[in-house]
Amino acid sequence: MQIAITSQNRRTITEHAGKCRNFWLYDIEDKQIAGKRLVELPMEQSFHASHSGLPGALSGINVLITAGMGGKLFRRLLDLGVQPLLACEEDPDRAIADFLAGCLLTRSLVFACHDHEGHSHAH
């Protein structure tokens, strides 16, 4: 199993999964972390820019954990057989441990974010 976590700042689980270019990729074997690496996508391979499929570096993922995403990406991931999870946890390693233990706290898409398309956000 392979799990990707959005982490644009390379430290915490971040929002805007569609525009995110930095992901922690965890390889899971026998419910244990077998490997962890940072994947940095070029802009044109972000979910937002690609509009279909999975970016090459994320092509083997089974789960995507993020802090927020739009409804279109949520549905796209489901259609691709990837389980999208909107985590309440900010620490990637803690989120993986909680997921493996079956106790990752998540939010529903409706409460976690709204569809970001067509909007600009100042942070």
PDB file of N, CA and C in Angstrom:
ATOM      1  N   MET A   1       0.846  -1.176   0.000  1.00  0.00           N
ATOM      2  CA  MET A   1       0.000   0.000   0.000  1.00  0.00           C
ATOM      3  C   MET A   1       0.885   1.232   0.000  1.00  0.00           C
ATOM      4  N   GLN A   2       0.419   2.261  -0.667  1.00  0.00           N
ATOM      5  CA  GLN A   2       1.158   3.514  -0.702  1.00  0.00           C
ATOM      6  C   GLN A   2       0.198   4.657  -0.352  1.00  0.00           C
ATOM      7  N   ILE A   3       0.654   5.523   0.547  1.00  0.00           N
ATOM      8  CA  ILE A   3      -0.151   6.654   1.012  1.00  0.00           C
ATOM      9  C   ILE A   3       0.605   7.948   0.717  1.00  0.00           C
ATOM     10  N   ALA A   4      -0.090   8.904   0.098  1.00  0.00           N
ATOM     11  CA  ALA A   4       0.487  10.226  -0.152  1.00  0.00           C
ATOM     12  C   ALA A   4      -0.163  11.230   0.794  1.00  0.00           C
ATOM     13  N   ILE A   5       0.650  12.165   1.283  1.00  0.00           N
ATOM     14  CA  ILE A   5       0.157  13.234   2.157  1.00  0.00           C
ATOM     15  C   ILE A   5       0.581  14.575   1.576  1.00  0.00           C
ATOM     16  N   THR A   6      -0.385  15.486   1.409  1.00  0.00           N
ATOM     17  CA  THR A   6      -0.054  16.820   0.907  1.00  0.00           C
ATOM     18  C   THR A   6       0.741  17.576   1.967  1.00  0.00           C
ATOM     19  N   SER A   7       1.876  18.132   1.554  1.00  0.00           N
ATOM     20  CA  SER A   7       2.713  18.875   2.495  1.00  0.00           C
ATOM     21  C   SER A   7       3.523  19.919   1.730  1.00  0.00           C
ATOM     22  N   GLN A   8       2.836  20.960   1.274  1.00  0.00           N
ATOM     23  CA  GLN A   8       3.503  21.988   0.481  1.00  0.00           C
ATOM     24  C   GLN A   8       4.689  22.587   1.235  1.00  0.00           C
ATOM     25  N   ASN A   9       4.569  22.749   2.549  1.00  0.00           N
ATOM     26  CA  ASN A   9       5.654  23.327   3.348  1.00  0.00           C
ATOM     27  C   ASN A   9       6.651  22.274   3.845  1.00  0.00           C
ATOM     28  N   ARG A  10       6.434  21.017   3.495  1.00  0.00           N
ATOM     29  CA  ARG A  10       7.305  19.877   3.830  1.00  0.00           C
ATOM     30  C   ARG A  10       7.331  19.547   5.334  1.00  0.00           C
ATOM     31  N   ARG A  11       6.429  20.154   6.105  1.00  0.00           N
ATOM     32  CA  ARG A  11       6.395  19.918   7.549  1.00  0.00           C
ATOM     33  C   ARG A  11       5.045  19.433   8.041  1.00  0.00           C
ATOM     34  N   THR A  12       3.974  20.064   7.551  1.00  0.00           N
ATOM     35  CA  THR A  12       2.637  19.739   8.030  1.00  0.00           C
ATOM     36  C   THR A  12       1.741  19.304   6.874  1.00  0.00           C
ATOM     37  N   ILE A  13       0.602  18.746   7.222  1.00  0.00           N
ATOM     38  CA  ILE A  13      -0.393  18.392   6.211  1.00  0.00           C
ATOM     39  C   ILE A  13      -1.070  19.685   5.785  1.00  0.00           C
ATOM     40  N   THR A  14      -1.024  19.979   4.497  1.00  0.00           N
ATOM     41  CA  THR A  14      -1.521  21.252   4.002  1.00  0.00           C
ATOM     42  C   THR A  14      -2.790  21.075   3.169  1.00  0.00           C
ATOM     43  N   GLU A  15      -3.482  22.190   2.949  1.00  0.00           N
ATOM     44  CA  GLU A  15      -4.707  22.226   2.152  1.00  0.00           C
ATOM     45  C   GLU A  15      -4.378  22.391   0.672  1.00  0.00           C
ATOM     46  N   HIS A  16      -5.419  22.635  -0.104  1.00  0.00           N
ATOM     47  CA  HIS A  16      -5.295  22.865  -1.545  1.00  0.00           C
ATOM     48  C   HIS A  16      -4.580  21.714  -2.241  1.00  0.00           C
ATOM     49  N   ALA A  17      -5.086  20.512  -2.031  1.00  0.00           N
ATOM     50  CA  ALA A  17      -4.468  19.312  -2.615  1.00  0.00           C
ATOM     51  C   ALA A  17      -4.300  19.441  -4.124  1.00  0.00           C
ATOM     52  N   GLY A  18      -5.228  20.097  -4.787  1.00  0.00           N
ATOM     53  CA  GLY A  18      -5.155  20.237  -6.235  1.00  0.00           C
ATOM     54  C   GLY A  18      -3.954  21.028  -6.707  1.00  0.00           C
ATOM     55  N   LYS A  19      -3.536  22.004  -5.919  1.00  0.00           N
ATOM     56  CA  LYS A  19      -2.397  22.839  -6.306  1.00  0.00           C
ATOM     57  C   LYS A  19      -1.099  22.434  -5.617  1.00  0.00           C
ATOM     58  N   CYS A  20      -1.185  21.486  -4.703  1.00  0.00           N
ATOM     59  CA  CYS A  20      -0.005  21.051  -3.958  1.00  0.00           C
ATOM     60  C   CYS A  20       1.005  20.380  -4.886  1.00  0.00           C
ATOM     61  N   ARG A  21       2.289  20.638  -4.648  1.00  0.00           N
ATOM     62  CA  ARG A  21       3.349  20.018  -5.445  1.00  0.00           C
ATOM     63  C   ARG A  21       4.300  19.186  -4.597  1.00  0.00           C
ATOM     64  N   ASN A  22       4.179  19.262  -3.279  1.00  0.00           N
ATOM     65  CA  ASN A  22       5.043  18.486  -2.385  1.00  0.00           C
ATOM     66  C   ASN A  22       4.203  17.477  -1.603  1.00  0.00           C
ATOM     67  N   PHE A  23       4.609  16.229  -1.686  1.00  0.00           N
ATOM     68  CA  PHE A  23       3.880  15.140  -1.040  1.00  0.00           C
ATOM     69  C   PHE A  23       4.855  14.239  -0.299  1.00  0.00           C
ATOM     70  N   TRP A  24       4.471  13.829   0.918  1.00  0.00           N
ATOM     71  CA  TRP A  24       5.190  12.756   1.593  1.00  0.00           C
ATOM     72  C   TRP A  24       4.562  11.462   1.106  1.00  0.00           C
ATOM     73  N   LEU A  25       5.389  10.555   0.652  1.00  0.00           N
ATOM     74  CA  LEU A  25       4.923   9.270   0.151  1.00  0.00           C
ATOM     75  C   LEU A  25       5.388   8.189   1.108  1.00  0.00           C
ATOM     76  N   TYR A  26       4.429   7.448   1.655  1.00  0.00           N
ATOM     77  CA  TYR A  26       4.722   6.389   2.623  1.00  0.00           C
ATOM     78  C   TYR A  26       4.440   5.039   1.985  1.00  0.00           C
ATOM     79  N   ASP A  27       5.392   4.136   2.070  1.00  0.00           N
ATOM     80  CA  ASP A  27       5.195   2.751   1.658  1.00  0.00           C
ATOM     81  C   ASP A  27       4.822   1.965   2.904  1.00  0.00           C
ATOM     82  N   ILE A  28       3.722   1.235   2.830  1.00  0.00           N
ATOM     83  CA  ILE A  28       3.208   0.490   3.977  1.00  0.00           C
ATOM     84  C   ILE A  28       3.250  -1.002   3.664  1.00  0.00           C
ATOM     85  N   GLU A  29       3.841  -1.762   4.577  1.00  0.00           N
ATOM     86  CA  GLU A  29       3.860  -3.219   4.463  1.00  0.00           C
ATOM     87  C   GLU A  29       3.499  -3.808   5.822  1.00  0.00           C
ATOM     88  N   ASP A  30       2.553  -4.716   5.835  1.00  0.00           N
ATOM     89  CA  ASP A  30       2.101  -5.362   7.072  1.00  0.00           C
ATOM     90  C   ASP A  30       1.735  -4.334   8.152  1.00  0.00           C
ATOM     91  N   LYS A  31       1.015  -3.287   7.740  1.00  0.00           N
ATOM     92  CA  LYS A  31       0.559  -2.220   8.646  1.00  0.00           C
ATOM     93  C   LYS A  31       1.705  -1.498   9.350  1.00  0.00           C
ATOM     94  N   GLN A  32       2.870  -1.489   8.710  1.00  0.00           N
ATOM     95  CA  GLN A  32       4.045  -0.770   9.232  1.00  0.00           C
ATOM     96  C   GLN A  32       4.612   0.121   8.123  1.00  0.00           C
ATOM     97  N   ILE A  33       5.241   1.228   8.504  1.00  0.00           N
ATOM     98  CA  ILE A  33       5.897   2.096   7.525  1.00  0.00           C
ATOM     99  C   ILE A  33       7.172   1.403   7.049  1.00  0.00           C
ATOM    100  N   ALA A  34       7.238   1.126   5.758  1.00  0.00           N
ATOM    101  CA  ALA A  34       8.416   0.476   5.173  1.00  0.00           C
ATOM    102  C   ALA A  34       9.327   1.495   4.493  1.00  0.00           C
ATOM    103  N   GLY A  35       8.820   2.689   4.266  1.00  0.00           N
ATOM    104  CA  GLY A  35       9.619   3.730   3.640  1.00  0.00           C
ATOM    105  C   GLY A  35       8.851   5.037   3.602  1.00  0.00           C
ATOM    106  N   LYS A  36       9.601   6.147   3.546  1.00  0.00           N
ATOM    107  CA  LYS A  36       9.016   7.486   3.487  1.00  0.00           C
ATOM    108  C   LYS A  36       9.940   8.356   2.659  1.00  0.00           C
ATOM    109  N   ARG A  37       9.351   9.069   1.708  1.00  0.00           N
ATOM    110  CA  ARG A  37      10.166   9.976   0.904  1.00  0.00           C
ATOM    111  C   ARG A  37       9.335  11.180   0.457  1.00  0.00           C
ATOM    112  N   LEU A  38      10.013  12.270   0.196  1.00  0.00           N
ATOM    113  CA  LEU A  38       9.358  13.479  -0.288  1.00  0.00           C
ATOM    114  C   LEU A  38       9.349  13.450  -1.809  1.00  0.00           C
ATOM    115  N   VAL A  39       8.171  13.687  -2.389  1.00  0.00           N
ATOM    116  CA  VAL A  39       8.026  13.766  -3.839  1.00  0.00           C
ATOM    117  C   VAL A  39       7.668  15.206  -4.173  1.00  0.00           C
ATOM    118  N   GLU A  40       8.422  15.815  -5.085  1.00  0.00           N
ATOM    119  CA  GLU A  40       8.155  17.174  -5.528  1.00  0.00           C
ATOM    120  C   GLU A  40       7.747  17.139  -6.990  1.00  0.00           C
ATOM    121  N   LEU A  41       6.521  17.551  -7.270  1.00  0.00           N
ATOM    122  CA  LEU A  41       6.003  17.537  -8.632  1.00  0.00           C
ATOM    123  C   LEU A  41       6.262  18.866  -9.330  1.00  0.00           C
ATOM    124  N   PRO A  42       6.542  18.824 -10.633  1.00  0.00           N
ATOM    125  CA  PRO A  42       6.573  20.083 -11.380  1.00  0.00           C
ATOM    126  C   PRO A  42       5.152  20.647 -11.459  1.00  0.00           C
ATOM    127  N   MET A  43       5.023  21.940 -11.644  1.00  0.00           N
ATOM    128  CA  MET A  43       3.721  22.613 -11.667  1.00  0.00           C
ATOM    129  C   MET A  43       2.743  21.926 -12.618  1.00  0.00           C
ATOM    130  N   GLU A  44       3.210  21.531 -13.788  1.00  0.00           N
ATOM    131  CA  GLU A  44       2.315  20.945 -14.784  1.00  0.00           C
ATOM    132  C   GLU A  44       1.812  19.553 -14.415  1.00  0.00           C
ATOM    133  N   GLN A  45       2.359  18.947 -13.340  1.00  0.00           N
ATOM    134  CA  GLN A  45       1.883  17.643 -12.898  1.00  0.00           C
ATOM    135  C   GLN A  45       0.995  17.721 -11.656  1.00  0.00           C
ATOM    136  N   SER A  46       0.717  18.939 -11.185  1.00  0.00           N
ATOM    137  CA  SER A  46      -0.200  19.061 -10.046  1.00  0.00           C
ATOM    138  C   SER A  46      -1.573  18.539 -10.478  1.00  0.00           C
ATOM    139  N   PHE A  47      -2.393  18.153  -9.520  1.00  0.00           N
ATOM    140  CA  PHE A  47      -3.736  17.680  -9.850  1.00  0.00           C
ATOM    141  C   PHE A  47      -4.512  18.750 -10.616  1.00  0.00           C
ATOM    142  N   HIS A  48      -4.359  19.993 -10.207  1.00  0.00           N
ATOM    143  CA  HIS A  48      -5.073  21.101 -10.822  1.00  0.00           C
ATOM    144  C   HIS A  48      -4.691  21.276 -12.290  1.00  0.00           C
ATOM    145  N   ALA A  49      -3.414  21.106 -12.602  1.00  0.00           N
ATOM    146  CA  ALA A  49      -2.943  21.312 -13.972  1.00  0.00           C
ATOM    147  C   ALA A  49      -3.191  20.104 -14.873  1.00  0.00           C
ATOM    148  N   SER A  50      -3.238  18.906 -14.285  1.00  0.00           N
ATOM    149  CA  SER A  50      -3.326  17.705 -15.113  1.00  0.00           C
ATOM    150  C   SER A  50      -4.756  17.321 -15.489  1.00  0.00           C
ATOM    151  N   HIS A  51      -5.736  17.614 -14.661  1.00  0.00           N
ATOM    152  CA  HIS A  51      -7.160  17.390 -14.923  1.00  0.00           C
ATOM    153  C   HIS A  51      -7.611  15.942 -15.098  1.00  0.00           C
ATOM    154  N   SER A  52      -6.717  14.983 -15.163  1.00  0.00           N
ATOM    155  CA  SER A  52      -7.155  13.578 -15.260  1.00  0.00           C
ATOM    156  C   SER A  52      -6.040  12.671 -14.765  1.00  0.00           C
ATOM    157  N   GLY A  53      -6.401  11.495 -14.338  1.00  0.00           N
ATOM    158  CA  GLY A  53      -5.407  10.537 -13.872  1.00  0.00           C
ATOM    159  C   GLY A  53      -4.666  11.015 -12.637  1.00  0.00           C
ATOM    160  N   LEU A  54      -3.580  10.314 -12.352  1.00  0.00           N
ATOM    161  CA  LEU A  54      -2.704  10.676 -11.239  1.00  0.00           C
ATOM    162  C   LEU A  54      -1.363  11.110 -11.803  1.00  0.00           C
ATOM    163  N   PRO A  55      -0.703  12.081 -11.156  1.00  0.00           N
ATOM    164  CA  PRO A  55       0.646  12.433 -11.576  1.00  0.00           C
ATOM    165  C   PRO A  55       1.542  11.191 -11.513  1.00  0.00           C
ATOM    166  N   GLY A  56       2.482  11.071 -12.432  1.00  0.00           N
ATOM    167  CA  GLY A  56       3.348   9.898 -12.510  1.00  0.00           C
ATOM    168  C   GLY A  56       3.946   9.464 -11.185  1.00  0.00           C
ATOM    169  N   ALA A  57       4.468  10.411 -10.410  1.00  0.00           N
ATOM    170  CA  ALA A  57       5.117  10.077  -9.139  1.00  0.00           C
ATOM    171  C   ALA A  57       4.126   9.566  -8.098  1.00  0.00           C
ATOM    172  N   LEU A  58       2.836   9.809  -8.314  1.00  0.00           N
ATOM    173  CA  LEU A  58       1.805   9.378  -7.366  1.00  0.00           C
ATOM    174  C   LEU A  58       0.956   8.235  -7.932  1.00  0.00           C
ATOM    175  N   SER A  59       1.373   7.684  -9.039  1.00  0.00           N
ATOM    176  CA  SER A  59       0.537   6.712  -9.749  1.00  0.00           C
ATOM    177  C   SER A  59       0.243   5.442  -8.959  1.00  0.00           C
ATOM    178  N   GLY A  60       1.038   5.125  -7.947  1.00  0.00           N
ATOM    179  CA  GLY A  60       0.805   3.903  -7.187  1.00  0.00           C
ATOM    180  C   GLY A  60       0.075   4.092  -5.872  1.00  0.00           C
ATOM    181  N   ILE A  61      -0.430   5.296  -5.611  1.00  0.00           N
ATOM    182  CA  ILE A  61      -1.038   5.531  -4.294  1.00  0.00           C
ATOM    183  C   ILE A  61      -2.413   4.887  -4.162  1.00  0.00           C
ATOM    184  N   ASN A  62      -2.726   4.494  -2.932  1.00  0.00           N
ATOM    185  CA  ASN A  62      -4.030   3.932  -2.597  1.00  0.00           C
ATOM    186  C   ASN A  62      -4.857   4.912  -1.772  1.00  0.00           C
ATOM    187  N   VAL A  63      -4.161   5.820  -1.067  1.00  0.00           N
ATOM    188  CA  VAL A  63      -4.801   6.773  -0.160  1.00  0.00           C
ATOM    189  C   VAL A  63      -4.116   8.122  -0.327  1.00  0.00           C
ATOM    190  N   LEU A  64      -4.908   9.207  -0.299  1.00  0.00           N
ATOM    191  CA  LEU A  64      -4.361  10.566  -0.266  1.00  0.00           C
ATOM    192  C   LEU A  64      -4.924  11.242   0.970  1.00  0.00           C
ATOM    193  N   ILE A  65      -4.022  11.679   1.855  1.00  0.00           N
ATOM    194  CA  ILE A  65      -4.419  12.395   3.065  1.00  0.00           C
ATOM    195  C   ILE A  65      -4.056  13.860   2.873  1.00  0.00           C
ATOM    196  N   THR A  66      -5.019  14.727   3.137  1.00  0.00           N
ATOM    197  CA  THR A  66      -4.824  16.155   2.953  1.00  0.00           C
ATOM    198  C   THR A  66      -5.657  16.909   3.983  1.00  0.00           C
ATOM    199  N   ALA A  67      -5.455  18.237   4.055  1.00  0.00           N
ATOM    200  CA  ALA A  67      -6.268  19.057   4.958  1.00  0.00           C
ATOM    201  C   ALA A  67      -7.453  19.663   4.228  1.00  0.00           C
ATOM    202  N   GLY A  68      -7.443  19.637   2.896  1.00  0.00           N
ATOM    203  CA  GLY A  68      -8.567  20.195   2.161  1.00  0.00           C
ATOM    204  C   GLY A  68      -8.421  20.000   0.671  1.00  0.00           C
ATOM    205  N   MET A  69      -9.572  19.843   0.002  1.00  0.00           N
ATOM    206  CA  MET A  69      -9.595  19.719  -1.454  1.00  0.00           C
ATOM    207  C   MET A  69     -10.993  20.038  -1.947  1.00  0.00           C
ATOM    208  N   GLY A  70     -11.098  20.349  -3.210  1.00  0.00           N
ATOM    209  CA  GLY A  70     -12.389  20.605  -3.821  1.00  0.00           C
ATOM    210  C   GLY A  70     -13.123  19.316  -4.147  1.00  0.00           C
ATOM    211  N   GLY A  71     -14.413  19.456  -4.385  1.00  0.00           N
ATOM    212  CA  GLY A  71     -15.254  18.308  -4.676  1.00  0.00           C
ATOM    213  C   GLY A  71     -14.876  17.574  -5.942  1.00  0.00           C
ATOM    214  N   LYS A  72     -14.441  18.304  -6.963  1.00  0.00           N
ATOM    215  CA  LYS A  72     -14.060  17.647  -8.223  1.00  0.00           C
ATOM    216  C   LYS A  72     -12.863  16.722  -8.026  1.00  0.00           C
ATOM    217  N   LEU A  73     -11.868  17.175  -7.298  1.00  0.00           N
ATOM    218  CA  LEU A  73     -10.700  16.323  -7.050  1.00  0.00           C
ATOM    219  C   LEU A  73     -11.094  15.143  -6.171  1.00  0.00           C
ATOM    220  N   PHE A  74     -11.928  15.372  -5.188  1.00  0.00           N
ATOM    221  CA  PHE A  74     -12.401  14.298  -4.308  1.00  0.00           C
ATOM    222  C   PHE A  74     -13.039  13.189  -5.149  1.00  0.00           C
ATOM    223  N   ARG A  75     -13.948  13.574  -6.038  1.00  0.00           N
ATOM    224  CA  ARG A  75     -14.622  12.596  -6.901  1.00  0.00           C
ATOM    225  C   ARG A  75     -13.646  11.938  -7.875  1.00  0.00           C
ATOM    226  N   ARG A  76     -12.722  12.710  -8.413  1.00  0.00           N
ATOM    227  CA  ARG A  76     -11.719  12.159  -9.338  1.00  0.00           C
ATOM    228  C   ARG A  76     -10.892  11.077  -8.666  1.00  0.00           C
ATOM    229  N   LEU A  77     -10.458  11.333  -7.436  1.00  0.00           N
ATOM    230  CA  LEU A  77      -9.670  10.336  -6.712  1.00  0.00           C
ATOM    231  C   LEU A  77     -10.486   9.061  -6.487  1.00  0.00           C
ATOM    232  N   LEU A  78     -11.732   9.227  -6.065  1.00  0.00           N
ATOM    233  CA  LEU A  78     -12.588   8.055  -5.867  1.00  0.00           C
ATOM    234  C   LEU A  78     -12.710   7.258  -7.167  1.00  0.00           C
ATOM    235  N   ASP A  79     -12.918   7.946  -8.281  1.00  0.00           N
ATOM    236  CA  ASP A  79     -13.037   7.278  -9.580  1.00  0.00           C
ATOM    237  C   ASP A  79     -11.766   6.532  -9.963  1.00  0.00           C
ATOM    238  N   LEU A  80     -10.612   7.008  -9.478  1.00  0.00           N
ATOM    239  CA  LEU A  80      -9.325   6.376  -9.769  1.00  0.00           C
ATOM    240  C   LEU A  80      -8.979   5.273  -8.764  1.00  0.00           C
ATOM    241  N   GLY A  81      -9.870   5.030  -7.807  1.00  0.00           N
ATOM    242  CA  GLY A  81      -9.625   3.988  -6.815  1.00  0.00           C
ATOM    243  C   GLY A  81      -8.735   4.427  -5.669  1.00  0.00           C
ATOM    244  N   VAL A  82      -8.606   5.747  -5.479  1.00  0.00           N
ATOM    245  CA  VAL A  82      -7.794   6.300  -4.388  1.00  0.00           C
ATOM    246  C   VAL A  82      -8.737   6.804  -3.306  1.00  0.00           C
ATOM    247  N   GLN A  83      -8.480   6.432  -2.061  1.00  0.00           N
ATOM    248  CA  GLN A  83      -9.293   6.879  -0.935  1.00  0.00           C
ATOM    249  C   GLN A  83      -8.826   8.260  -0.490  1.00  0.00           C
ATOM    250  N   PRO A  84      -9.630   9.322  -0.694  1.00  0.00           N
ATOM    251  CA  PRO A  84      -9.245  10.655  -0.213  1.00  0.00           C
ATOM    252  C   PRO A  84      -9.701  10.841   1.226  1.00  0.00           C
ATOM    253  N   LEU A  85      -8.799  11.313   2.072  1.00  0.00           N
ATOM    254  CA  LEU A  85      -9.129  11.559   3.476  1.00  0.00           C
ATOM    255  C   LEU A  85      -8.742  12.986   3.846  1.00  0.00           C
ATOM    256  N   LEU A  86      -9.657  13.690   4.490  1.00  0.00           N
ATOM    257  CA  LEU A  86      -9.408  15.050   4.951  1.00  0.00           C
ATOM    258  C   LEU A  86      -9.096  14.979   6.439  1.00  0.00           C
ATOM    259  N   ALA A  87      -7.828  15.048   6.760  1.00  0.00           N
ATOM    260  CA  ALA A  87      -7.368  14.823   8.135  1.00  0.00           C
ATOM    261  C   ALA A  87      -7.512  16.063   9.002  1.00  0.00           C
ATOM    262  N   CYS A  88      -7.840  15.829  10.261  1.00  0.00           N
ATOM    263  CA  CYS A  88      -7.822  16.892  11.272  1.00  0.00           C
ATOM    264  C   CYS A  88      -6.395  17.076  11.804  1.00  0.00           C
ATOM    265  N   GLU A  89      -5.605  16.027  11.768  1.00  0.00           N
ATOM    266  CA  GLU A  89      -4.216  16.022  12.246  1.00  0.00           C
ATOM    267  C   GLU A  89      -3.341  16.841  11.295  1.00  0.00           C
ATOM    268  N   GLU A  90      -2.362  17.567  11.854  1.00  0.00           N
ATOM    269  CA  GLU A  90      -1.437  18.352  11.035  1.00  0.00           C
ATOM    270  C   GLU A  90      -0.102  17.658  10.802  1.00  0.00           C
ATOM    271  N   ASP A  91       0.278  16.738  11.680  1.00  0.00           N
ATOM    272  CA  ASP A  91       1.581  16.081  11.581  1.00  0.00           C
ATOM    273  C   ASP A  91       1.474  14.844  10.681  1.00  0.00           C
ATOM    274  N   PRO A  92       2.232  14.797   9.577  1.00  0.00           N
ATOM    275  CA  PRO A  92       2.141  13.658   8.657  1.00  0.00           C
ATOM    276  C   PRO A  92       2.430  12.308   9.311  1.00  0.00           C
ATOM    277  N   ASP A  93       3.481  12.219  10.113  1.00  0.00           N
ATOM    278  CA  ASP A  93       3.825  10.940  10.743  1.00  0.00           C
ATOM    279  C   ASP A  93       2.728  10.484  11.709  1.00  0.00           C
ATOM    280  N   ARG A  94       2.159  11.419  12.455  1.00  0.00           N
ATOM    281  CA  ARG A  94       1.069  11.087  13.382  1.00  0.00           C
ATOM    282  C   ARG A  94      -0.164  10.634  12.595  1.00  0.00           C
ATOM    283  N   ALA A  95      -0.452  11.317  11.480  1.00  0.00           N
ATOM    284  CA  ALA A  95      -1.607  10.932  10.659  1.00  0.00           C
ATOM    285  C   ALA A  95      -1.450   9.513  10.128  1.00  0.00           C
ATOM    286  N   ILE A  96      -0.257   9.152   9.698  1.00  0.00           N
ATOM    287  CA  ILE A  96      -0.015   7.793   9.201  1.00  0.00           C
ATOM    288  C   ILE A  96      -0.194   6.787  10.336  1.00  0.00           C
ATOM    289  N   ALA A  97       0.371   7.091  11.504  1.00  0.00           N
ATOM    290  CA  ALA A  97       0.237   6.185  12.650  1.00  0.00           C
ATOM    291  C   ALA A  97      -1.235   6.008  13.014  1.00  0.00           C
ATOM    292  N   ASP A  98      -1.985   7.112  13.026  1.00  0.00           N
ATOM    293  CA  ASP A  98      -3.411   7.043  13.349  1.00  0.00           C
ATOM    294  C   ASP A  98      -4.170   6.262  12.278  1.00  0.00           C
ATOM    295  N   PHE A  99      -3.839   6.490  11.012  1.00  0.00           N
ATOM    296  CA  PHE A  99      -4.501   5.758   9.926  1.00  0.00           C
ATOM    297  C   PHE A  99      -4.261   4.258  10.070  1.00  0.00           C
ATOM    298  N   LEU A 100      -3.026   3.879  10.333  1.00  0.00           N
ATOM    299  CA  LEU A 100      -2.685   2.461  10.462  1.00  0.00           C
ATOM    300  C   LEU A 100      -3.359   1.828  11.682  1.00  0.00           C
ATOM    301  N   ALA A 101      -3.590   2.645  12.710  1.00  0.00           N
ATOM    302  CA  ALA A 101      -4.261   2.151  13.915  1.00  0.00           C
ATOM    303  C   ALA A 101      -5.786   2.199  13.780  1.00  0.00           C
ATOM    304  N   GLY A 102      -6.260   2.758  12.663  1.00  0.00           N
ATOM    305  CA  GLY A 102      -7.696   2.838  12.436  1.00  0.00           C
ATOM    306  C   GLY A 102      -8.384   3.949  13.196  1.00  0.00           C
ATOM    307  N   CYS A 103      -7.617   4.969  13.605  1.00  0.00           N
ATOM    308  CA  CYS A 103      -8.238   6.036  14.397  1.00  0.00           C
ATOM    309  C   CYS A 103      -7.919   7.442  13.887  1.00  0.00           C
ATOM    310  N   LEU A 104      -7.646   7.575  12.582  1.00  0.00           N
ATOM    311  CA  LEU A 104      -7.387   8.900  12.014  1.00  0.00           C
ATOM    312  C   LEU A 104      -8.683   9.706  12.026  1.00  0.00           C
ATOM    313  N   LEU A 105      -8.664  10.860  12.673  1.00  0.00           N
ATOM    314  CA  LEU A 105      -9.829  11.739  12.690  1.00  0.00           C
ATOM    315  C   LEU A 105      -9.898  12.477  11.359  1.00  0.00           C
ATOM    316  N   THR A 106     -11.057  12.410  10.716  1.00  0.00           N
ATOM    317  CA  THR A 106     -11.232  13.072   9.424  1.00  0.00           C
ATOM    318  C   THR A 106     -12.462  13.958   9.466  1.00  0.00           C
ATOM    319  N   ARG A 107     -12.538  14.820   8.482  1.00  0.00           N
ATOM    320  CA  ARG A 107     -13.687  15.714   8.325  1.00  0.00           C
ATOM    321  C   ARG A 107     -14.399  15.349   7.033  1.00  0.00           C
ATOM    322  N   SER A 108     -15.653  15.693   6.958  1.00  0.00           N
ATOM    323  CA  SER A 108     -16.384  15.496   5.713  1.00  0.00           C
ATOM    324  C   SER A 108     -15.983  16.616   4.756  1.00  0.00           C
ATOM    325  N   LEU A 109     -16.064  16.349   3.485  1.00  0.00           N
ATOM    326  CA  LEU A 109     -15.702  17.342   2.469  1.00  0.00           C
ATOM    327  C   LEU A 109     -16.533  18.606   2.627  1.00  0.00           C
ATOM    328  N   VAL A 110     -17.790  18.465   2.942  1.00  0.00           N
ATOM    329  CA  VAL A 110     -18.680  19.610   3.074  1.00  0.00           C
ATOM    330  C   VAL A 110     -18.193  20.573   4.154  1.00  0.00           C
ATOM    331  N   PHE A 111     -17.679  20.025   5.249  1.00  0.00           N
ATOM    332  CA  PHE A 111     -17.237  20.878   6.351  1.00  0.00           C
ATOM    333  C   PHE A 111     -15.776  21.289   6.231  1.00  0.00           C
ATOM    334  N   ALA A 112     -14.993  20.525   5.482  1.00  0.00           N
ATOM    335  CA  ALA A 112     -13.555  20.783   5.435  1.00  0.00           C
ATOM    336  C   ALA A 112     -13.199  21.933   4.520  1.00  0.00           C
ATOM    337  N   CYS A 113     -13.921  22.073   3.419  1.00  0.00           N
ATOM    338  CA  CYS A 113     -13.567  23.130   2.479  1.00  0.00           C
ATOM    339  C   CYS A 113     -14.705  23.311   1.496  1.00  0.00           C
ATOM    340  N   HIS A 114     -14.569  24.292   0.654  1.00  0.00           N
ATOM    341  CA  HIS A 114     -15.516  24.461  -0.439  1.00  0.00           C
ATOM    342  C   HIS A 114     -14.746  24.285  -1.736  1.00  0.00           C
ATOM    343  N   ASP A 115     -15.455  24.175  -2.820  1.00  0.00           N
ATOM    344  CA  ASP A 115     -14.792  24.027  -4.115  1.00  0.00           C
ATOM    345  C   ASP A 115     -14.015  25.306  -4.400  1.00  0.00           C
ATOM    346  N   HIS A 116     -12.721  25.195  -4.614  1.00  0.00           N
ATOM    347  CA  HIS A 116     -11.852  26.365  -4.760  1.00  0.00           C
ATOM    348  C   HIS A 116     -11.802  26.900  -6.177  1.00  0.00           C
ATOM    349  N   GLU A 117     -12.353  26.202  -7.119  1.00  0.00           N
ATOM    350  CA  GLU A 117     -12.201  26.602  -8.506  1.00  0.00           C
ATOM    351  C   GLU A 117     -12.894  27.933  -8.755  1.00  0.00           C
ATOM    352  N   GLY A 118     -12.186  28.818  -9.450  1.00  0.00           N
ATOM    353  CA  GLY A 118     -12.731  30.115  -9.757  1.00  0.00           C
ATOM    354  C   GLY A 118     -12.542  31.137  -8.646  1.00  0.00           C
ATOM    355  N   HIS A 119     -11.922  30.745  -7.574  1.00  0.00           N
ATOM    356  CA  HIS A 119     -11.678  31.660  -6.467  1.00  0.00           C
ATOM    357  C   HIS A 119     -10.186  31.853  -6.279  1.00  0.00           C
ATOM    358  N   SER A 120      -9.814  33.030  -5.818  1.00  0.00           N
ATOM    359  CA  SER A 120      -8.430  33.235  -5.419  1.00  0.00           C
ATOM    360  C   SER A 120      -8.410  33.406  -3.916  1.00  0.00           C
ATOM    361  N   HIS A 121      -7.341  32.953  -3.305  1.00  0.00           N
ATOM    362  CA  HIS A 121      -7.248  33.004  -1.846  1.00  0.00           C
ATOM    363  C   HIS A 121      -5.952  33.710  -1.457  1.00  0.00           C
ATOM    364  N   ALA A 122      -6.062  34.661  -0.568  1.00  0.00           N
ATOM    365  CA  ALA A 122      -4.870  35.308  -0.010  1.00  0.00           C
ATOM    366  C   ALA A 122      -4.610  34.676   1.343  1.00  0.00           C
ATOM    367  N   HIS A 123      -3.420  34.217   1.555  1.00  0.00           N
ATOM    368  CA  HIS A 123      -3.065  33.593   2.850  1.00  0.00           C
ATOM    369  C   HIS A 123      -1.981  34.383   3.499  1.00  0.00           C
TER     370      HIS A 123
END
